[in-house]
Amino acid sequence: MLSKTSNVSSAPYRVHRERQRRRIMTAAQKLFDVDGIDRVTMANIISATGIRASTLYEYFSSKDEIVWALVEELMVQSSASIRTSIDDATGSALVKITALLQALGDELVQHSARVRFMAQFDARYAFDWSVERLVALEEQIFPGRFEELSALIRDGIADGSLRSDLDPELTLHAIVNAVIGAQRRLASLGSRVEKEYGQPIELLFRETVRILLLGLRAT
């Protein structure tokens, strides 16, 4: 059994380790955002953090481990925002879906680095990592997410705010892929898209959401 002294002394150590871990992840995310995940090496991350290589490897054995730690952290943050947007919305299912999609627009504007990182992860994940690992992480962070969101579509059909001919599961997956795809593309390309189309990325995203909602809304 640990003594009170051991418990007290271990608390600062845990704080120190968490601070070091955060330092590594923050430095890595900044490098990934500027140079891209593929171009960044462990040596780059060690240099950016200013710690010894042996210290960094106490926390992460590879760059992939850092990437997955960031994915988990950013998904937790994003899912919390989505949860809050749904819980705070009052009214029909359409109102809740609108709030959810608007929250993704807010994320694009307020946390663009987070969205850019997830876009990079998508590209890398498509070739390097298994879908089972990602699905397990998603289920851990947002258990029953698809069932809950498809139930929201069914609620909308029942309350008359959504079209009656919608397939709840298919509609859910179509919306999620369309909106997240647009969000991550706009965040990744940023000013390039704005120059190409002559519109700010926030406006382009909000218009995408508006058009999608028009397609869902009962007439």
C-alpha atoms as a PDB file:
ATOM      1  CA  MET A   1       0.000   0.000   0.000  1.00  0.00           C
ATOM      2  CA  LEU A   2       1.377   3.428  -0.950  1.00  0.00           C
ATOM      3  CA  SER A   3       2.017   5.887   1.837  1.00  0.00           C
ATOM      4  CA  LYS A   4       0.552   9.370   1.841  1.00  0.00           C
ATOM      5  CA  THR A   5       4.030  10.667   1.083  1.00  0.00           C
ATOM      6  CA  SER A   6       4.245   8.473  -2.024  1.00  0.00           C
ATOM      7  CA  ASN A   7       0.847   9.682  -3.217  1.00  0.00           C
ATOM      8  CA  VAL A   8       1.809  13.316  -2.752  1.00  0.00           C
ATOM      9  CA  SER A   9       5.156  12.929  -4.495  1.00  0.00           C
ATOM     10  CA  SER A  10       3.600  11.070  -7.432  1.00  0.00           C
ATOM     11  CA  ALA A  11       1.076  13.834  -8.147  1.00  0.00           C
ATOM     12  CA  PRO A  12       3.675  16.389  -9.321  1.00  0.00           C
ATOM     13  CA  TYR A  13       5.308  13.633 -11.372  1.00  0.00           C
ATOM     14  CA  ARG A  14       2.031  12.873 -13.133  1.00  0.00           C
ATOM     15  CA  VAL A  15       1.529  16.581 -13.796  1.00  0.00           C
ATOM     16  CA  HIS A  16       5.062  16.799 -15.186  1.00  0.00           C
ATOM     17  CA  ARG A  17       4.511  13.819 -17.481  1.00  0.00           C
ATOM     18  CA  GLU A  18       1.230  15.218 -18.758  1.00  0.00           C
ATOM     19  CA  ARG A  19       2.903  18.579 -19.387  1.00  0.00           C
ATOM     20  CA  GLN A  20       5.721  16.904 -21.327  1.00  0.00           C
ATOM     21  CA  ARG A  21       3.255  14.838 -23.339  1.00  0.00           C
ATOM     22  CA  ARG A  22       1.258  17.964 -24.154  1.00  0.00           C
ATOM     23  CA  ARG A  23       4.458  19.766 -25.168  1.00  0.00           C
ATOM     24  CA  ILE A  24       5.325  17.008 -27.638  1.00  0.00           C
ATOM     25  CA  MET A  25       1.831  16.831 -29.119  1.00  0.00           C
ATOM     26  CA  THR A  26       1.533  20.605 -29.495  1.00  0.00           C
ATOM     27  CA  ALA A  27       4.904  20.858 -31.239  1.00  0.00           C
ATOM     28  CA  ALA A  28       4.068  17.937 -33.519  1.00  0.00           C
ATOM     29  CA  GLN A  29       0.681  19.353 -34.486  1.00  0.00           C
ATOM     30  CA  LYS A  30       2.237  22.695 -35.428  1.00  0.00           C
ATOM     31  CA  LEU A  31       4.843  20.948 -37.567  1.00  0.00           C
ATOM     32  CA  PHE A  32       2.200  18.766 -39.227  1.00  0.00           C
ATOM     33  CA  ASP A  33       0.132  21.850 -40.015  1.00  0.00           C
ATOM     34  CA  VAL A  34       3.045  23.694 -41.642  1.00  0.00           C
ATOM     35  CA  ASP A  35       4.993  20.890 -43.319  1.00  0.00           C
ATOM     36  CA  GLY A  36       2.514  18.014 -43.584  1.00  0.00           C
ATOM     37  CA  ILE A  37       2.471  14.742 -41.672  1.00  0.00           C
ATOM     38  CA  ASP A  38       4.477  12.880 -44.306  1.00  0.00           C
ATOM     39  CA  ARG A  39       7.363  15.371 -44.319  1.00  0.00           C
ATOM     40  CA  VAL A  40       7.768  15.649 -40.552  1.00  0.00           C
ATOM     41  CA  THR A  41      10.230  13.284 -38.878  1.00  0.00           C
ATOM     42  CA  MET A  42      10.722  12.322 -35.250  1.00  0.00           C
ATOM     43  CA  ALA A  43      13.985  14.283 -35.400  1.00  0.00           C
ATOM     44  CA  ASN A  44      12.005  17.395 -36.389  1.00  0.00           C
ATOM     45  CA  ILE A  45       9.665  16.906 -33.444  1.00  0.00           C
ATOM     46  CA  ILE A  46      12.559  16.383 -31.035  1.00  0.00           C
ATOM     47  CA  SER A  47      14.175  19.594 -32.282  1.00  0.00           C
ATOM     48  CA  ALA A  48      10.926  21.560 -31.994  1.00  0.00           C
ATOM     49  CA  THR A  49      10.260  20.417 -28.437  1.00  0.00           C
ATOM     50  CA  GLY A  50      13.830  20.981 -27.273  1.00  0.00           C
ATOM     51  CA  ILE A  51      13.904  17.727 -25.327  1.00  0.00           C
ATOM     52  CA  ARG A  52      16.221  14.745 -25.582  1.00  0.00           C
ATOM     53  CA  ALA A  53      15.330  11.952 -27.973  1.00  0.00           C
ATOM     54  CA  SER A  54      15.322   9.443 -25.121  1.00  0.00           C
ATOM     55  CA  THR A  55      12.761  11.580 -23.291  1.00  0.00           C
ATOM     56  CA  LEU A  56      10.434  11.806 -26.277  1.00  0.00           C
ATOM     57  CA  TYR A  57      10.574   8.053 -26.813  1.00  0.00           C
ATOM     58  CA  GLU A  58       9.398   7.540 -23.234  1.00  0.00           C
ATOM     59  CA  TYR A  59       6.077   8.997 -24.384  1.00  0.00           C
ATOM     60  CA  PHE A  60       5.772   7.989 -28.035  1.00  0.00           C
ATOM     61  CA  SER A  61       7.563   5.184 -29.853  1.00  0.00           C
ATOM     62  CA  SER A  62       6.843   6.562 -33.324  1.00  0.00           C
ATOM     63  CA  LYS A  63       5.348   9.422 -35.297  1.00  0.00           C
ATOM     64  CA  ASP A  64       2.262   7.304 -35.924  1.00  0.00           C
ATOM     65  CA  GLU A  65       1.652   7.091 -32.181  1.00  0.00           C
ATOM     66  CA  ILE A  66       1.709  10.881 -31.971  1.00  0.00           C
ATOM     67  CA  VAL A  67      -0.662  11.151 -34.922  1.00  0.00           C
ATOM     68  CA  TRP A  68      -3.157   8.758 -33.357  1.00  0.00           C
ATOM     69  CA  ALA A  69      -2.926  10.552 -29.999  1.00  0.00           C
ATOM     70  CA  LEU A  70      -3.775  13.807 -31.777  1.00  0.00           C
ATOM     71  CA  VAL A  71      -6.609  12.161 -33.693  1.00  0.00           C
ATOM     72  CA  GLU A  72      -8.124  10.928 -30.442  1.00  0.00           C
ATOM     73  CA  GLU A  73      -7.773  14.306 -28.756  1.00  0.00           C
ATOM     74  CA  LEU A  74      -9.220  16.270 -31.671  1.00  0.00           C
ATOM     75  CA  MET A  75     -12.091  13.840 -32.144  1.00  0.00           C
ATOM     76  CA  VAL A  76     -12.974  14.194 -28.457  1.00  0.00           C
ATOM     77  CA  GLN A  77     -13.024  17.976 -28.838  1.00  0.00           C
ATOM     78  CA  SER A  78     -15.109  17.844 -32.008  1.00  0.00           C
ATOM     79  CA  SER A  79     -17.613  15.324 -30.649  1.00  0.00           C
ATOM     80  CA  ALA A  80     -18.054  17.437 -27.506  1.00  0.00           C
ATOM     81  CA  SER A  81     -18.956  20.451 -29.658  1.00  0.00           C
ATOM     82  CA  ILE A  82     -21.415  18.382 -31.675  1.00  0.00           C
ATOM     83  CA  ARG A  83     -22.972  16.961 -28.518  1.00  0.00           C
ATOM     84  CA  THR A  84     -23.390  20.431 -27.039  1.00  0.00           C
ATOM     85  CA  SER A  85     -24.935  21.786 -30.238  1.00  0.00           C
ATOM     86  CA  ILE A  86     -27.545  19.012 -30.309  1.00  0.00           C
ATOM     87  CA  ASP A  87     -28.312  19.162 -26.588  1.00  0.00           C
ATOM     88  CA  ASP A  88     -28.676  22.954 -26.593  1.00  0.00           C
ATOM     89  CA  ALA A  89     -31.008  23.047 -29.607  1.00  0.00           C
ATOM     90  CA  THR A  90     -34.711  23.059 -28.782  1.00  0.00           C
ATOM     91  CA  GLY A  91     -37.512  22.333 -31.202  1.00  0.00           C
ATOM     92  CA  SER A  92     -37.880  19.971 -34.131  1.00  0.00           C
ATOM     93  CA  ALA A  93     -35.352  17.458 -35.389  1.00  0.00           C
ATOM     94  CA  LEU A  94     -34.585  19.856 -38.245  1.00  0.00           C
ATOM     95  CA  VAL A  95     -33.580  22.495 -35.693  1.00  0.00           C
ATOM     96  CA  LYS A  96     -31.200  20.018 -34.045  1.00  0.00           C
ATOM     97  CA  ILE A  97     -29.684  18.937 -37.363  1.00  0.00           C
ATOM     98  CA  THR A  98     -29.246  22.582 -38.344  1.00  0.00           C
ATOM     99  CA  ALA A  99     -27.448  23.263 -35.058  1.00  0.00           C
ATOM    100  CA  LEU A 100     -25.184  20.257 -35.610  1.00  0.00           C
ATOM    101  CA  LEU A 101     -24.170  21.372 -39.109  1.00  0.00           C
ATOM    102  CA  GLN A 102     -23.683  24.959 -37.966  1.00  0.00           C
ATOM    103  CA  ALA A 103     -21.351  23.661 -35.243  1.00  0.00           C
ATOM    104  CA  LEU A 104     -19.186  22.133 -37.966  1.00  0.00           C
ATOM    105  CA  GLY A 105     -19.113  25.536 -39.653  1.00  0.00           C
ATOM    106  CA  ASP A 106     -18.026  27.120 -36.386  1.00  0.00           C
ATOM    107  CA  GLU A 107     -15.288  24.506 -36.085  1.00  0.00           C
ATOM    108  CA  LEU A 108     -14.046  25.372 -39.587  1.00  0.00           C
ATOM    109  CA  VAL A 109     -13.719  29.042 -38.618  1.00  0.00           C
ATOM    110  CA  GLN A 110     -12.592  28.778 -35.006  1.00  0.00           C
ATOM    111  CA  HIS A 111     -10.454  25.623 -35.140  1.00  0.00           C
ATOM    112  CA  SER A 112      -9.203  25.453 -38.714  1.00  0.00           C
ATOM    113  CA  ALA A 113      -5.905  23.813 -37.688  1.00  0.00           C
ATOM    114  CA  ARG A 114      -7.880  20.962 -36.112  1.00  0.00           C
ATOM    115  CA  VAL A 115      -9.853  20.463 -39.321  1.00  0.00           C
ATOM    116  CA  ARG A 116      -6.722  20.671 -41.493  1.00  0.00           C
ATOM    117  CA  PHE A 117      -5.055  17.992 -39.392  1.00  0.00           C
ATOM    118  CA  MET A 118      -8.041  15.678 -39.749  1.00  0.00           C
ATOM    119  CA  ALA A 119      -7.981  16.240 -43.518  1.00  0.00           C
ATOM    120  CA  GLN A 120      -4.324  15.168 -43.562  1.00  0.00           C
ATOM    121  CA  PHE A 121      -5.201  12.170 -41.441  1.00  0.00           C
ATOM    122  CA  ASP A 122      -7.930  11.187 -43.916  1.00  0.00           C
ATOM    123  CA  ALA A 123      -5.427  11.148 -46.768  1.00  0.00           C
ATOM    124  CA  ARG A 124      -2.893   9.107 -44.812  1.00  0.00           C
ATOM    125  CA  TYR A 125      -5.488   6.799 -43.275  1.00  0.00           C
ATOM    126  CA  ALA A 126      -6.807   5.879 -46.715  1.00  0.00           C
ATOM    127  CA  PHE A 127      -3.547   4.070 -47.472  1.00  0.00           C
ATOM    128  CA  ASP A 128      -1.707   3.331 -44.225  1.00  0.00           C
ATOM    129  CA  TRP A 129      -4.137   2.403 -41.455  1.00  0.00           C
ATOM    130  CA  SER A 130      -6.980  -0.048 -40.936  1.00  0.00           C
ATOM    131  CA  VAL A 131     -10.609   1.009 -40.825  1.00  0.00           C
ATOM    132  CA  GLU A 132     -11.101  -1.189 -37.749  1.00  0.00           C
ATOM    133  CA  ARG A 133      -8.767   0.956 -35.680  1.00  0.00           C
ATOM    134  CA  LEU A 134     -10.567   4.159 -36.624  1.00  0.00           C
ATOM    135  CA  VAL A 135     -14.034   2.670 -36.091  1.00  0.00           C
ATOM    136  CA  ALA A 136     -13.002   1.399 -32.640  1.00  0.00           C
ATOM    137  CA  LEU A 137     -11.733   4.861 -31.701  1.00  0.00           C
ATOM    138  CA  GLU A 138     -14.896   6.549 -32.983  1.00  0.00           C
ATOM    139  CA  GLU A 139     -17.072   4.126 -31.021  1.00  0.00           C
ATOM    140  CA  GLN A 140     -15.021   4.757 -27.883  1.00  0.00           C
ATOM    141  CA  ILE A 141     -15.417   8.533 -28.187  1.00  0.00           C
ATOM    142  CA  PHE A 142     -18.977   8.728 -29.518  1.00  0.00           C
ATOM    143  CA  PRO A 143     -20.673   5.376 -28.771  1.00  0.00           C
ATOM    144  CA  GLY A 144     -23.813   4.708 -30.764  1.00  0.00           C
ATOM    145  CA  ARG A 145     -23.222   7.813 -32.867  1.00  0.00           C
ATOM    146  CA  PHE A 146     -24.788   6.492 -36.064  1.00  0.00           C
ATOM    147  CA  GLU A 147     -27.815   5.066 -34.281  1.00  0.00           C
ATOM    148  CA  GLU A 148     -28.396   8.329 -32.433  1.00  0.00           C
ATOM    149  CA  LEU A 149     -28.077  10.489 -35.528  1.00  0.00           C
ATOM    150  CA  SER A 150     -30.219   8.229 -37.711  1.00  0.00           C
ATOM    151  CA  ALA A 151     -32.830   8.315 -34.919  1.00  0.00           C
ATOM    152  CA  LEU A 152     -32.753  12.091 -35.294  1.00  0.00           C
ATOM    153  CA  ILE A 153     -33.683  11.677 -38.973  1.00  0.00           C
ATOM    154  CA  ARG A 154     -36.544   9.368 -38.001  1.00  0.00           C
ATOM    155  CA  ASP A 155     -37.704  11.901 -35.406  1.00  0.00           C
ATOM    156  CA  GLY A 156     -37.726  14.579 -38.098  1.00  0.00           C
ATOM    157  CA  ILE A 157     -39.878  12.451 -40.376  1.00  0.00           C
ATOM    158  CA  ALA A 158     -42.247  11.786 -37.462  1.00  0.00           C
ATOM    159  CA  ASP A 159     -42.498  15.430 -36.355  1.00  0.00           C
ATOM    160  CA  GLY A 160     -43.015  16.612 -39.932  1.00  0.00           C
ATOM    161  CA  SER A 161     -39.900  18.780 -40.153  1.00  0.00           C
ATOM    162  CA  LEU A 162     -38.111  16.415 -42.591  1.00  0.00           C
ATOM    163  CA  ARG A 163     -39.242  14.869 -45.857  1.00  0.00           C
ATOM    164  CA  SER A 164     -41.131  11.607 -45.478  1.00  0.00           C
ATOM    165  CA  ASP A 165     -39.245   9.857 -48.311  1.00  0.00           C
ATOM    166  CA  LEU A 166     -35.851   9.956 -46.572  1.00  0.00           C
ATOM    167  CA  ASP A 167     -34.030   6.750 -45.673  1.00  0.00           C
ATOM    168  CA  PRO A 168     -32.693   7.548 -42.163  1.00  0.00           C
ATOM    169  CA  GLU A 169     -29.439   5.556 -42.362  1.00  0.00           C
ATOM    170  CA  LEU A 170     -28.606   6.493 -45.952  1.00  0.00           C
ATOM    171  CA  THR A 171     -29.470  10.147 -45.333  1.00  0.00           C
ATOM    172  CA  LEU A 172     -27.289  10.244 -42.233  1.00  0.00           C
ATOM    173  CA  HIS A 173     -24.221   8.840 -44.006  1.00  0.00           C
ATOM    174  CA  ALA A 174     -24.736  11.086 -47.039  1.00  0.00           C
ATOM    175  CA  ILE A 175     -24.944  14.218 -44.881  1.00  0.00           C
ATOM    176  CA  VAL A 176     -21.953  13.298 -42.717  1.00  0.00           C
ATOM    177  CA  ASN A 177     -19.712  12.553 -45.699  1.00  0.00           C
ATOM    178  CA  ALA A 178     -20.817  15.605 -47.692  1.00  0.00           C
ATOM    179  CA  VAL A 179     -20.410  18.060 -44.836  1.00  0.00           C
ATOM    180  CA  ILE A 180     -17.177  16.702 -43.378  1.00  0.00           C
ATOM    181  CA  GLY A 181     -15.718  16.367 -46.870  1.00  0.00           C
ATOM    182  CA  ALA A 182     -16.530  19.994 -47.663  1.00  0.00           C
ATOM    183  CA  GLN A 183     -15.290  21.173 -44.276  1.00  0.00           C
ATOM    184  CA  ARG A 184     -11.921  19.438 -44.558  1.00  0.00           C
ATOM    185  CA  ARG A 185     -11.360  20.419 -48.195  1.00  0.00           C
ATOM    186  CA  LEU A 186     -12.081  24.080 -47.479  1.00  0.00           C
ATOM    187  CA  ALA A 187      -9.858  24.078 -44.392  1.00  0.00           C
ATOM    188  CA  SER A 188      -6.996  22.371 -46.235  1.00  0.00           C
ATOM    189  CA  LEU A 189      -7.030  24.612 -49.296  1.00  0.00           C
ATOM    190  CA  GLY A 190      -8.087  27.799 -47.513  1.00  0.00           C
ATOM    191  CA  SER A 191      -6.985  30.880 -49.416  1.00  0.00           C
ATOM    192  CA  ARG A 192      -6.461  28.843 -52.595  1.00  0.00           C
ATOM    193  CA  VAL A 193     -10.180  28.068 -52.705  1.00  0.00           C
ATOM    194  CA  GLU A 194     -11.003  31.690 -51.923  1.00  0.00           C
ATOM    195  CA  LYS A 195      -8.868  32.867 -54.854  1.00  0.00           C
ATOM    196  CA  GLU A 196     -10.292  30.210 -57.173  1.00  0.00           C
ATOM    197  CA  TYR A 197     -13.954  30.888 -56.396  1.00  0.00           C
ATOM    198  CA  GLY A 198     -13.806  34.470 -55.145  1.00  0.00           C
ATOM    199  CA  GLN A 199     -15.677  33.649 -51.938  1.00  0.00           C
ATOM    200  CA  PRO A 200     -14.555  33.193 -48.318  1.00  0.00           C
ATOM    201  CA  ILE A 201     -14.446  29.564 -47.188  1.00  0.00           C
ATOM    202  CA  GLU A 202     -16.881  30.198 -44.339  1.00  0.00           C
ATOM    203  CA  LEU A 203     -19.506  31.503 -46.766  1.00  0.00           C
ATOM    204  CA  LEU A 204     -18.942  28.561 -49.107  1.00  0.00           C
ATOM    205  CA  PHE A 205     -19.399  26.120 -46.256  1.00  0.00           C
ATOM    206  CA  ARG A 206     -22.481  27.840 -44.833  1.00  0.00           C
ATOM    207  CA  GLU A 207     -24.058  27.807 -48.295  1.00  0.00           C
ATOM    208  CA  THR A 208     -23.297  24.097 -48.645  1.00  0.00           C
ATOM    209  CA  VAL A 209     -25.097  23.491 -45.356  1.00  0.00           C
ATOM    210  CA  ARG A 210     -28.050  25.673 -46.394  1.00  0.00           C
ATOM    211  CA  ILE A 211     -28.521  23.742 -49.635  1.00  0.00           C
ATOM    212  CA  LEU A 212     -28.312  20.398 -47.830  1.00  0.00           C
ATOM    213  CA  LEU A 213     -30.926  21.522 -45.325  1.00  0.00           C
ATOM    214  CA  LEU A 214     -33.233  22.589 -48.153  1.00  0.00           C
ATOM    215  CA  GLY A 215     -33.027  19.050 -49.487  1.00  0.00           C
ATOM    216  CA  LEU A 216     -33.982  17.595 -46.100  1.00  0.00           C
ATOM    217  CA  ARG A 217     -36.761  19.990 -45.171  1.00  0.00           C
ATOM    218  CA  ALA A 218     -40.375  18.935 -45.570  1.00  0.00           C
ATOM    219  CA  THR A 219     -42.223  21.068 -48.114  1.00  0.00           C
END
